[in-house]
Amino acid sequence: MSRRLRVVPAAPAPEPDLALDPKATARILEGFIRSEVERTGRRGVVLGLSGGIDSALSACLAARALGPERVYAVAMPYRTSHAGSRRDAEALGRKLRIGVEVVEITPIVDGFVAAAGASSPGRLGNVMARARMIVLYDRSEERAALVLGTSNKTELLLGYGTLHGDMASALNPLGDLYKTQVRDLAKAVAVPRSIRLKPPSADLWPDQTDEGDLGFSYDEVDRVLALLVDARMAPGSIVARGFSRRLVERVARLVVRSQFKRRLPLIAKVSTRSIGWDFRYPRDWKS
């Protein structure tokens, strides 16, 4: 008696749930900040406080993890920056009881432009982002502190950031949170409403917004990224779920083409123990 094998199509994979447990997530991230600072023997953290939601959330988590006396923030406006950004940054500093220093980066940026030139908005934005990181790493040296990152998972996956600029840090509590998750967690830890509801912007030039630069909303792209990265779905399968083919293919290209921003520089291997290939101890290894 012959038997036929009946193949039953697998049910479509569910869309990843981006909802998070705010209390558990905050506890994990605060523990991460505390343990990383303690294992390096540093006194605390330094971060750029832009008046936006990402840096505000990082500051809140750090203050809860370490105590406000071990968190030092720097607001770094350029002459075209929105005045409200500085006001929001300073107001958050008072709320958290953390130190906030204001360093005007206009002389730094304009001096570079005068000496070397930066004709396009994109180039000027990169100079501004890297000038801010020069200030932060200088203050981290002064205070024996670690630079705390503020880039979220959406930005990192899309490459929407400046290499050695806003993407630079010693530790980053937000790098595994999509932008929509950052919003949820920021609300849970009481980031002020005025910061949470403003349009996301790097404040690099007047009226600049993240979603205007990208050409799509964070709500939409986070769902695509979760399917592409977390669920490991092929672009065609994501399109079959009703997403625009143009959007999905563009997002997939951005993820692939920005991979170089998410890893240390590639080192050509010529020895038996090459850094990054074979010599990969965790940083807290003991001799």
C-alpha atoms as a PDB file:
ATOM      1  CA  MET A   1       0.000   0.000   0.000  1.00  0.00           C
ATOM      2  CA  SER A   2       1.535   3.266  -1.115  1.00  0.00           C
ATOM      3  CA  ARG A   3       1.261   6.420   0.888  1.00  0.00           C
ATOM      4  CA  ARG A   4       1.478   9.916  -0.443  1.00  0.00           C
ATOM      5  CA  LEU A   5       3.222  12.605   1.536  1.00  0.00           C
ATOM      6  CA  ARG A   6       0.948  15.593   1.862  1.00  0.00           C
ATOM      7  CA  VAL A   7       2.821  18.869   2.211  1.00  0.00           C
ATOM      8  CA  VAL A   8       0.953  21.485   4.218  1.00  0.00           C
ATOM      9  CA  PRO A   9       2.145  25.053   3.579  1.00  0.00           C
ATOM     10  CA  ALA A  10       3.560  26.653   6.666  1.00  0.00           C
ATOM     11  CA  ALA A  11       1.577  29.480   8.167  1.00  0.00           C
ATOM     12  CA  PRO A  12       3.001  32.938   7.426  1.00  0.00           C
ATOM     13  CA  ALA A  13       5.453  34.077  10.067  1.00  0.00           C
ATOM     14  CA  PRO A  14       3.928  36.634  12.423  1.00  0.00           C
ATOM     15  CA  GLU A  15       5.153  40.206  12.228  1.00  0.00           C
ATOM     16  CA  PRO A  16       7.624  40.882  15.067  1.00  0.00           C
ATOM     17  CA  ASP A  17       5.971  42.546  18.026  1.00  0.00           C
ATOM     18  CA  LEU A  18       7.688  45.863  18.705  1.00  0.00           C
ATOM     19  CA  ALA A  19       5.863  46.364  21.993  1.00  0.00           C
ATOM     20  CA  LEU A  20       8.219  46.247  24.962  1.00  0.00           C
ATOM     21  CA  ASP A  21       7.959  45.904  28.718  1.00  0.00           C
ATOM     22  CA  PRO A  22       9.093  49.387  29.811  1.00  0.00           C
ATOM     23  CA  LYS A  23      10.063  48.441  33.360  1.00  0.00           C
ATOM     24  CA  ALA A  24      12.041  45.362  32.340  1.00  0.00           C
ATOM     25  CA  THR A  25      13.703  47.168  29.430  1.00  0.00           C
ATOM     26  CA  ALA A  26      14.713  50.129  31.592  1.00  0.00           C
ATOM     27  CA  ARG A  27      16.113  47.755  34.227  1.00  0.00           C
ATOM     28  CA  ILE A  28      18.220  45.934  31.620  1.00  0.00           C
ATOM     29  CA  LEU A  29      19.573  49.129  30.088  1.00  0.00           C
ATOM     30  CA  GLU A  30      20.344  50.724  33.440  1.00  0.00           C
ATOM     31  CA  GLY A  31      22.198  47.584  34.492  1.00  0.00           C
ATOM     32  CA  PHE A  32      24.117  47.653  31.215  1.00  0.00           C
ATOM     33  CA  ILE A  33      25.255  51.246  31.786  1.00  0.00           C
ATOM     34  CA  ARG A  34      26.191  50.591  35.417  1.00  0.00           C
ATOM     35  CA  SER A  35      28.173  47.420  34.728  1.00  0.00           C
ATOM     36  CA  GLU A  36      30.069  48.852  31.748  1.00  0.00           C
ATOM     37  CA  VAL A  37      31.117  51.958  33.661  1.00  0.00           C
ATOM     38  CA  GLU A  38      32.175  49.937  36.698  1.00  0.00           C
ATOM     39  CA  ARG A  39      34.176  47.338  34.768  1.00  0.00           C
ATOM     40  CA  THR A  40      36.219  50.043  33.015  1.00  0.00           C
ATOM     41  CA  GLY A  41      36.940  51.874  36.253  1.00  0.00           C
ATOM     42  CA  ARG A  42      35.584  55.142  34.878  1.00  0.00           C
ATOM     43  CA  ARG A  43      33.853  57.725  37.022  1.00  0.00           C
ATOM     44  CA  GLY A  44      30.732  58.177  34.940  1.00  0.00           C
ATOM     45  CA  VAL A  45      29.457  59.086  31.469  1.00  0.00           C
ATOM     46  CA  VAL A  46      29.474  62.105  29.178  1.00  0.00           C
ATOM     47  CA  LEU A  47      26.847  62.595  26.494  1.00  0.00           C
ATOM     48  CA  GLY A  48      25.633  65.173  24.025  1.00  0.00           C
ATOM     49  CA  LEU A  49      22.235  66.545  24.996  1.00  0.00           C
ATOM     50  CA  SER A  50      20.542  67.852  21.874  1.00  0.00           C
ATOM     51  CA  GLY A  51      17.053  68.478  23.181  1.00  0.00           C
ATOM     52  CA  GLY A  52      15.809  65.456  21.211  1.00  0.00           C
ATOM     53  CA  ILE A  53      14.209  62.247  22.429  1.00  0.00           C
ATOM     54  CA  ASP A  54      17.166  59.876  21.939  1.00  0.00           C
ATOM     55  CA  SER A  55      19.697  61.850  23.958  1.00  0.00           C
ATOM     56  CA  ALA A  56      17.028  62.637  26.547  1.00  0.00           C
ATOM     57  CA  LEU A  57      16.284  58.942  27.044  1.00  0.00           C
ATOM     58  CA  SER A  58      19.996  58.072  27.298  1.00  0.00           C
ATOM     59  CA  ALA A  59      20.442  60.801  29.912  1.00  0.00           C
ATOM     60  CA  CYS A  60      17.455  59.579  31.935  1.00  0.00           C
ATOM     61  CA  LEU A  61      18.681  55.980  31.912  1.00  0.00           C
ATOM     62  CA  ALA A  62      22.208  57.031  32.895  1.00  0.00           C
ATOM     63  CA  ALA A  63      21.006  59.217  35.760  1.00  0.00           C
ATOM     64  CA  ARG A  64      18.884  56.345  37.087  1.00  0.00           C
ATOM     65  CA  ALA A  65      21.750  53.867  36.666  1.00  0.00           C
ATOM     66  CA  LEU A  66      24.626  55.898  38.074  1.00  0.00           C
ATOM     67  CA  GLY A  67      23.095  58.779  39.974  1.00  0.00           C
ATOM     68  CA  PRO A  68      22.943  62.312  38.538  1.00  0.00           C
ATOM     69  CA  GLU A  69      26.321  63.294  39.945  1.00  0.00           C
ATOM     70  CA  ARG A  70      28.041  60.805  37.603  1.00  0.00           C
ATOM     71  CA  VAL A  71      26.326  62.030  34.422  1.00  0.00           C
ATOM     72  CA  TYR A  72      27.676  65.047  32.548  1.00  0.00           C
ATOM     73  CA  ALA A  73      25.857  66.436  29.530  1.00  0.00           C
ATOM     74  CA  VAL A  74      26.979  68.905  26.893  1.00  0.00           C
ATOM     75  CA  ALA A  75      24.648  70.940  24.672  1.00  0.00           C
ATOM     76  CA  MET A  76      26.464  71.940  21.483  1.00  0.00           C
ATOM     77  CA  PRO A  77      24.459  74.375  19.355  1.00  0.00           C
ATOM     78  CA  TYR A  78      25.537  75.766  16.007  1.00  0.00           C
ATOM     79  CA  ARG A  79      24.480  79.280  14.992  1.00  0.00           C
ATOM     80  CA  THR A  80      21.603  77.889  12.910  1.00  0.00           C
ATOM     81  CA  SER A  81      20.358  75.534  15.646  1.00  0.00           C
ATOM     82  CA  HIS A  82      16.829  76.017  16.914  1.00  0.00           C
ATOM     83  CA  ALA A  83      16.812  77.970  20.190  1.00  0.00           C
ATOM     84  CA  GLY A  84      14.224  75.599  21.602  1.00  0.00           C
ATOM     85  CA  SER A  85      16.680  72.689  21.420  1.00  0.00           C
ATOM     86  CA  ARG A  86      19.002  74.333  23.925  1.00  0.00           C
ATOM     87  CA  ARG A  87      16.093  75.285  26.186  1.00  0.00           C
ATOM     88  CA  ASP A  88      14.795  71.703  26.203  1.00  0.00           C
ATOM     89  CA  ALA A  89      18.280  70.318  26.918  1.00  0.00           C
ATOM     90  CA  GLU A  90      18.844  72.681  29.845  1.00  0.00           C
ATOM     91  CA  ALA A  91      15.352  72.043  31.225  1.00  0.00           C
ATOM     92  CA  LEU A  92      15.951  68.291  31.139  1.00  0.00           C
ATOM     93  CA  GLY A  93      19.267  68.787  32.926  1.00  0.00           C
ATOM     94  CA  ARG A  94      17.501  70.624  35.732  1.00  0.00           C
ATOM     95  CA  LYS A  95      14.829  67.925  35.934  1.00  0.00           C
ATOM     96  CA  LEU A  96      17.429  65.142  36.165  1.00  0.00           C
ATOM     97  CA  ARG A  97      19.794  67.220  38.342  1.00  0.00           C
ATOM     98  CA  ILE A  98      22.704  66.507  35.992  1.00  0.00           C
ATOM     99  CA  GLY A  99      25.355  68.991  34.946  1.00  0.00           C
ATOM    100  CA  VAL A 100      24.776  70.560  31.521  1.00  0.00           C
ATOM    101  CA  GLU A 101      27.535  72.560  29.861  1.00  0.00           C
ATOM    102  CA  VAL A 102      26.846  74.636  26.739  1.00  0.00           C
ATOM    103  CA  VAL A 103      29.656  74.631  24.164  1.00  0.00           C
ATOM    104  CA  GLU A 104      28.991  76.729  21.065  1.00  0.00           C
ATOM    105  CA  ILE A 105      30.457  74.825  18.100  1.00  0.00           C
ATOM    106  CA  THR A 106      30.051  77.663  15.576  1.00  0.00           C
ATOM    107  CA  PRO A 107      33.714  78.811  15.834  1.00  0.00           C
ATOM    108  CA  ILE A 108      34.921  75.207  15.425  1.00  0.00           C
ATOM    109  CA  VAL A 109      32.752  74.469  12.389  1.00  0.00           C
ATOM    110  CA  ASP A 110      33.197  77.825  10.685  1.00  0.00           C
ATOM    111  CA  GLY A 111      36.946  77.630  11.254  1.00  0.00           C
ATOM    112  CA  PHE A 112      37.038  74.266   9.507  1.00  0.00           C
ATOM    113  CA  VAL A 113      34.912  75.534   6.628  1.00  0.00           C
ATOM    114  CA  ALA A 114      37.179  78.568   6.210  1.00  0.00           C
ATOM    115  CA  ALA A 115      40.272  76.359   6.162  1.00  0.00           C
ATOM    116  CA  ALA A 116      39.086  73.295   4.255  1.00  0.00           C
ATOM    117  CA  GLY A 117      35.636  74.000   2.849  1.00  0.00           C
ATOM    118  CA  ALA A 118      32.336  72.141   3.174  1.00  0.00           C
ATOM    119  CA  SER A 119      30.045  73.343   0.431  1.00  0.00           C
ATOM    120  CA  SER A 120      27.037  71.015   0.666  1.00  0.00           C
ATOM    121  CA  PRO A 121      24.551  70.657   3.554  1.00  0.00           C
ATOM    122  CA  GLY A 122      25.547  67.005   3.955  1.00  0.00           C
ATOM    123  CA  ARG A 123      29.241  67.818   4.284  1.00  0.00           C
ATOM    124  CA  LEU A 124      28.542  70.664   6.687  1.00  0.00           C
ATOM    125  CA  GLY A 125      26.327  68.354   8.748  1.00  0.00           C
ATOM    126  CA  ASN A 126      29.139  65.815   8.986  1.00  0.00           C
ATOM    127  CA  VAL A 127      31.563  68.516  10.151  1.00  0.00           C
ATOM    128  CA  MET A 128      29.071  69.598  12.824  1.00  0.00           C
ATOM    129  CA  ALA A 129      28.511  66.028  14.032  1.00  0.00           C
ATOM    130  CA  ARG A 130      32.254  65.369  14.259  1.00  0.00           C
ATOM    131  CA  ALA A 131      32.926  68.706  15.951  1.00  0.00           C
ATOM    132  CA  ARG A 132      30.442  67.722  18.641  1.00  0.00           C
ATOM    133  CA  MET A 133      32.191  64.405  19.127  1.00  0.00           C
ATOM    134  CA  ILE A 134      35.554  66.160  19.515  1.00  0.00           C
ATOM    135  CA  VAL A 135      34.023  68.110  22.388  1.00  0.00           C
ATOM    136  CA  LEU A 136      32.512  65.007  24.002  1.00  0.00           C
ATOM    137  CA  TYR A 137      35.707  62.968  23.846  1.00  0.00           C
ATOM    138  CA  ASP A 138      37.663  65.894  25.238  1.00  0.00           C
ATOM    139  CA  ARG A 139      35.250  66.148  28.167  1.00  0.00           C
ATOM    140  CA  SER A 140      35.361  62.390  28.672  1.00  0.00           C
ATOM    141  CA  GLU A 141      39.138  62.596  29.019  1.00  0.00           C
ATOM    142  CA  GLU A 142      38.848  65.521  31.415  1.00  0.00           C
ATOM    143  CA  ARG A 143      36.350  63.669  33.599  1.00  0.00           C
ATOM    144  CA  ALA A 144      37.661  60.100  33.244  1.00  0.00           C
ATOM    145  CA  ALA A 145      34.268  59.155  31.845  1.00  0.00           C
ATOM    146  CA  LEU A 146      32.872  57.091  28.977  1.00  0.00           C
ATOM    147  CA  VAL A 147      31.061  58.694  26.053  1.00  0.00           C
ATOM    148  CA  LEU A 148      27.454  57.502  26.124  1.00  0.00           C
ATOM    149  CA  GLY A 149      25.846  56.874  22.736  1.00  0.00           C
ATOM    150  CA  THR A 150      22.389  57.993  21.657  1.00  0.00           C
ATOM    151  CA  SER A 151      21.886  56.326  18.239  1.00  0.00           C
ATOM    152  CA  ASN A 152      18.881  54.008  18.009  1.00  0.00           C
ATOM    153  CA  LYS A 153      18.525  50.757  16.057  1.00  0.00           C
ATOM    154  CA  THR A 154      16.597  52.359  13.189  1.00  0.00           C
ATOM    155  CA  GLU A 155      19.312  54.943  12.574  1.00  0.00           C
ATOM    156  CA  LEU A 156      22.107  52.393  12.853  1.00  0.00           C
ATOM    157  CA  LEU A 157      20.492  49.953  10.424  1.00  0.00           C
ATOM    158  CA  LEU A 158      19.760  52.667   7.861  1.00  0.00           C
ATOM    159  CA  GLY A 159      23.199  54.237   8.228  1.00  0.00           C
ATOM    160  CA  TYR A 160      21.464  57.485   9.163  1.00  0.00           C
ATOM    161  CA  GLY A 161      24.300  58.978  11.130  1.00  0.00           C
ATOM    162  CA  THR A 162      27.833  60.285  10.801  1.00  0.00           C
ATOM    163  CA  LEU A 163      30.699  57.836  11.169  1.00  0.00           C
ATOM    164  CA  HIS A 164      33.019  59.123  13.919  1.00  0.00           C
ATOM    165  CA  GLY A 165      30.345  61.709  14.651  1.00  0.00           C
ATOM    166  CA  ASP A 166      27.010  61.014  16.347  1.00  0.00           C
ATOM    167  CA  MET A 167      27.552  57.267  15.804  1.00  0.00           C
ATOM    168  CA  ALA A 168      30.718  57.274  17.942  1.00  0.00           C
ATOM    169  CA  SER A 169      30.542  56.199  21.595  1.00  0.00           C
ATOM    170  CA  ALA A 170      32.058  53.876  24.170  1.00  0.00           C
ATOM    171  CA  LEU A 171      28.691  52.304  25.032  1.00  0.00           C
ATOM    172  CA  ASN A 172      25.214  52.694  23.602  1.00  0.00           C
ATOM    173  CA  PRO A 173      22.065  51.776  25.545  1.00  0.00           C
ATOM    174  CA  LEU A 174      19.691  52.559  22.656  1.00  0.00           C
ATOM    175  CA  GLY A 175      21.319  50.641  19.802  1.00  0.00           C
ATOM    176  CA  ASP A 176      18.891  47.709  20.017  1.00  0.00           C
ATOM    177  CA  LEU A 177      15.747  49.851  20.278  1.00  0.00           C
ATOM    178  CA  TYR A 178      13.844  50.924  17.178  1.00  0.00           C
ATOM    179  CA  LYS A 179      12.749  54.563  17.112  1.00  0.00           C
ATOM    180  CA  THR A 180       9.158  53.646  17.922  1.00  0.00           C
ATOM    181  CA  GLN A 181      10.421  51.689  20.948  1.00  0.00           C
ATOM    182  CA  VAL A 182      12.505  54.683  22.024  1.00  0.00           C
ATOM    183  CA  ARG A 183       9.298  56.723  22.051  1.00  0.00           C
ATOM    184  CA  ASP A 184       7.520  54.156  24.225  1.00  0.00           C
ATOM    185  CA  LEU A 185      10.380  53.855  26.700  1.00  0.00           C
ATOM    186  CA  ALA A 186      10.881  57.626  26.853  1.00  0.00           C
ATOM    187  CA  LYS A 187       7.260  58.029  27.884  1.00  0.00           C
ATOM    188  CA  ALA A 188       7.633  55.344  30.555  1.00  0.00           C
ATOM    189  CA  VAL A 189      10.682  56.975  32.158  1.00  0.00           C
ATOM    190  CA  ALA A 190       9.031  60.410  32.103  1.00  0.00           C
ATOM    191  CA  VAL A 191      10.991  62.187  29.380  1.00  0.00           C
ATOM    192  CA  PRO A 192       9.152  65.542  29.101  1.00  0.00           C
ATOM    193  CA  ARG A 193       6.255  65.648  26.659  1.00  0.00           C
ATOM    194  CA  SER A 194       7.733  68.684  24.884  1.00  0.00           C
ATOM    195  CA  ILE A 195      10.738  66.557  23.899  1.00  0.00           C
ATOM    196  CA  ARG A 196       8.819  63.388  23.092  1.00  0.00           C
ATOM    197  CA  LEU A 197       6.365  65.020  20.694  1.00  0.00           C
ATOM    198  CA  LYS A 198       8.687  67.250  18.657  1.00  0.00           C
ATOM    199  CA  PRO A 199       9.547  66.087  15.099  1.00  0.00           C
ATOM    200  CA  PRO A 200      12.799  64.072  15.213  1.00  0.00           C
ATOM    201  CA  SER A 201      15.665  66.188  13.896  1.00  0.00           C
ATOM    202  CA  ALA A 202      19.466  66.274  14.011  1.00  0.00           C
ATOM    203  CA  ASP A 203      19.076  70.086  13.999  1.00  0.00           C
ATOM    204  CA  LEU A 204      21.828  70.423  11.402  1.00  0.00           C
ATOM    205  CA  TRP A 205      20.102  73.187   9.417  1.00  0.00           C
ATOM    206  CA  PRO A 206      16.811  75.123   9.666  1.00  0.00           C
ATOM    207  CA  ASP A 207      13.629  73.033   9.285  1.00  0.00           C
ATOM    208  CA  GLN A 208      15.617  69.805   8.891  1.00  0.00           C
ATOM    209  CA  THR A 209      13.809  66.645  10.063  1.00  0.00           C
ATOM    210  CA  ASP A 210      14.810  62.993  10.091  1.00  0.00           C
ATOM    211  CA  GLU A 211      11.690  61.775   8.303  1.00  0.00           C
ATOM    212  CA  GLY A 212      12.024  64.534   5.710  1.00  0.00           C
ATOM    213  CA  ASP A 213      15.587  63.409   4.962  1.00  0.00           C
ATOM    214  CA  LEU A 214      14.683  59.728   4.845  1.00  0.00           C
ATOM    215  CA  GLY A 215      11.463  60.093   2.862  1.00  0.00           C
ATOM    216  CA  PHE A 216       9.401  57.782   5.074  1.00  0.00           C
ATOM    217  CA  SER A 217       8.027  57.665   8.606  1.00  0.00           C
ATOM    218  CA  TYR A 218       9.656  55.866  11.509  1.00  0.00           C
ATOM    219  CA  ASP A 219       6.412  54.003  12.187  1.00  0.00           C
ATOM    220  CA  GLU A 220       6.503  52.535   8.682  1.00  0.00           C
ATOM    221  CA  VAL A 221      10.214  51.811   8.365  1.00  0.00           C
ATOM    222  CA  ASP A 222      10.465  50.183  11.800  1.00  0.00           C
ATOM    223  CA  ARG A 223       7.925  47.544  10.728  1.00  0.00           C
ATOM    224  CA  VAL A 224       9.896  46.874   7.537  1.00  0.00           C
ATOM    225  CA  LEU A 225      13.199  46.668   9.402  1.00  0.00           C
ATOM    226  CA  ALA A 226      11.742  44.308  12.007  1.00  0.00           C
ATOM    227  CA  LEU A 227      10.621  41.932   9.245  1.00  0.00           C
ATOM    228  CA  LEU A 228      13.872  42.254   7.291  1.00  0.00           C
ATOM    229  CA  VAL A 229      16.299  42.027  10.229  1.00  0.00           C
ATOM    230  CA  ASP A 230      14.566  40.399  13.188  1.00  0.00           C
ATOM    231  CA  ALA A 231      12.297  38.018  11.249  1.00  0.00           C
ATOM    232  CA  ARG A 232      14.931  37.514   8.497  1.00  0.00           C
ATOM    233  CA  MET A 233      12.329  37.766   5.770  1.00  0.00           C
ATOM    234  CA  ALA A 234      13.231  38.266   2.115  1.00  0.00           C
ATOM    235  CA  PRO A 235      12.214  41.605   0.602  1.00  0.00           C
ATOM    236  CA  GLY A 236       9.735  39.902  -1.712  1.00  0.00           C
ATOM    237  CA  SER A 237       7.949  38.270   1.220  1.00  0.00           C
ATOM    238  CA  ILE A 238       7.702  41.658   2.957  1.00  0.00           C
ATOM    239  CA  VAL A 239       6.190  43.203  -0.177  1.00  0.00           C
ATOM    240  CA  ALA A 240       3.649  40.351  -0.236  1.00  0.00           C
ATOM    241  CA  ARG A 241       2.449  41.566   3.161  1.00  0.00           C
ATOM    242  CA  GLY A 242       1.308  44.826   1.621  1.00  0.00           C
ATOM    243  CA  PHE A 243       4.368  47.051   1.932  1.00  0.00           C
ATOM    244  CA  SER A 244       5.473  49.199  -0.993  1.00  0.00           C
ATOM    245  CA  ARG A 245       8.080  47.446  -3.126  1.00  0.00           C
ATOM    246  CA  ARG A 246       9.898  50.736  -3.601  1.00  0.00           C
ATOM    247  CA  LEU A 247      10.089  51.264   0.167  1.00  0.00           C
ATOM    248  CA  VAL A 248      11.198  47.708   0.975  1.00  0.00           C
ATOM    249  CA  GLU A 249      13.886  47.617  -1.697  1.00  0.00           C
ATOM    250  CA  ARG A 250      15.204  51.036  -0.678  1.00  0.00           C
ATOM    251  CA  VAL A 251      15.373  50.051   2.979  1.00  0.00           C
ATOM    252  CA  ALA A 252      17.145  46.788   2.115  1.00  0.00           C
ATOM    253  CA  ARG A 253      19.719  48.705   0.041  1.00  0.00           C
ATOM    254  CA  LEU A 254      20.328  51.182   2.868  1.00  0.00           C
ATOM    255  CA  VAL A 255      20.926  48.360   5.353  1.00  0.00           C
ATOM    256  CA  VAL A 256      23.402  46.582   3.080  1.00  0.00           C
ATOM    257  CA  ARG A 257      25.273  49.671   1.914  1.00  0.00           C
ATOM    258  CA  SER A 258      25.733  51.059   5.442  1.00  0.00           C
ATOM    259  CA  GLN A 259      27.234  47.876   6.910  1.00  0.00           C
ATOM    260  CA  PHE A 260      30.679  49.499   6.961  1.00  0.00           C
ATOM    261  CA  LYS A 261      29.369  52.009   9.519  1.00  0.00           C
ATOM    262  CA  ARG A 262      28.404  49.262  11.956  1.00  0.00           C
ATOM    263  CA  ARG A 263      31.741  47.501  12.307  1.00  0.00           C
ATOM    264  CA  LEU A 264      35.332  48.260  13.147  1.00  0.00           C
ATOM    265  CA  PRO A 265      37.621  48.984  10.179  1.00  0.00           C
ATOM    266  CA  LEU A 266      38.466  45.868   8.189  1.00  0.00           C
ATOM    267  CA  ILE A 267      42.057  44.715   8.676  1.00  0.00           C
ATOM    268  CA  ALA A 268      43.771  42.731   5.939  1.00  0.00           C
ATOM    269  CA  LYS A 269      44.922  39.381   7.353  1.00  0.00           C
ATOM    270  CA  VAL A 270      48.607  38.548   6.856  1.00  0.00           C
ATOM    271  CA  SER A 271      49.592  36.981  10.213  1.00  0.00           C
ATOM    272  CA  THR A 272      48.400  34.036  12.294  1.00  0.00           C
ATOM    273  CA  ARG A 273      46.656  36.244  14.890  1.00  0.00           C
ATOM    274  CA  SER A 274      45.042  39.250  13.248  1.00  0.00           C
ATOM    275  CA  ILE A 275      43.052  41.805  15.239  1.00  0.00           C
ATOM    276  CA  GLY A 276      39.367  41.360  14.552  1.00  0.00           C
ATOM    277  CA  TRP A 277      39.833  37.881  13.028  1.00  0.00           C
ATOM    278  CA  ASP A 278      41.620  35.730  15.595  1.00  0.00           C
ATOM    279  CA  PHE A 279      42.514  38.122  18.433  1.00  0.00           C
ATOM    280  CA  ARG A 280      39.035  38.808  19.814  1.00  0.00           C
ATOM    281  CA  TYR A 281      39.116  38.670  23.591  1.00  0.00           C
ATOM    282  CA  PRO A 282      36.275  40.419  25.402  1.00  0.00           C
ATOM    283  CA  ARG A 283      37.488  43.728  26.699  1.00  0.00           C
ATOM    284  CA  ASP A 284      37.324  42.658  30.344  1.00  0.00           C
ATOM    285  CA  TRP A 285      39.699  39.709  29.874  1.00  0.00           C
ATOM    286  CA  LYS A 286      42.375  39.263  32.524  1.00  0.00           C
ATOM    287  CA  SER A 287      46.079  38.725  31.928  1.00  0.00           C
END
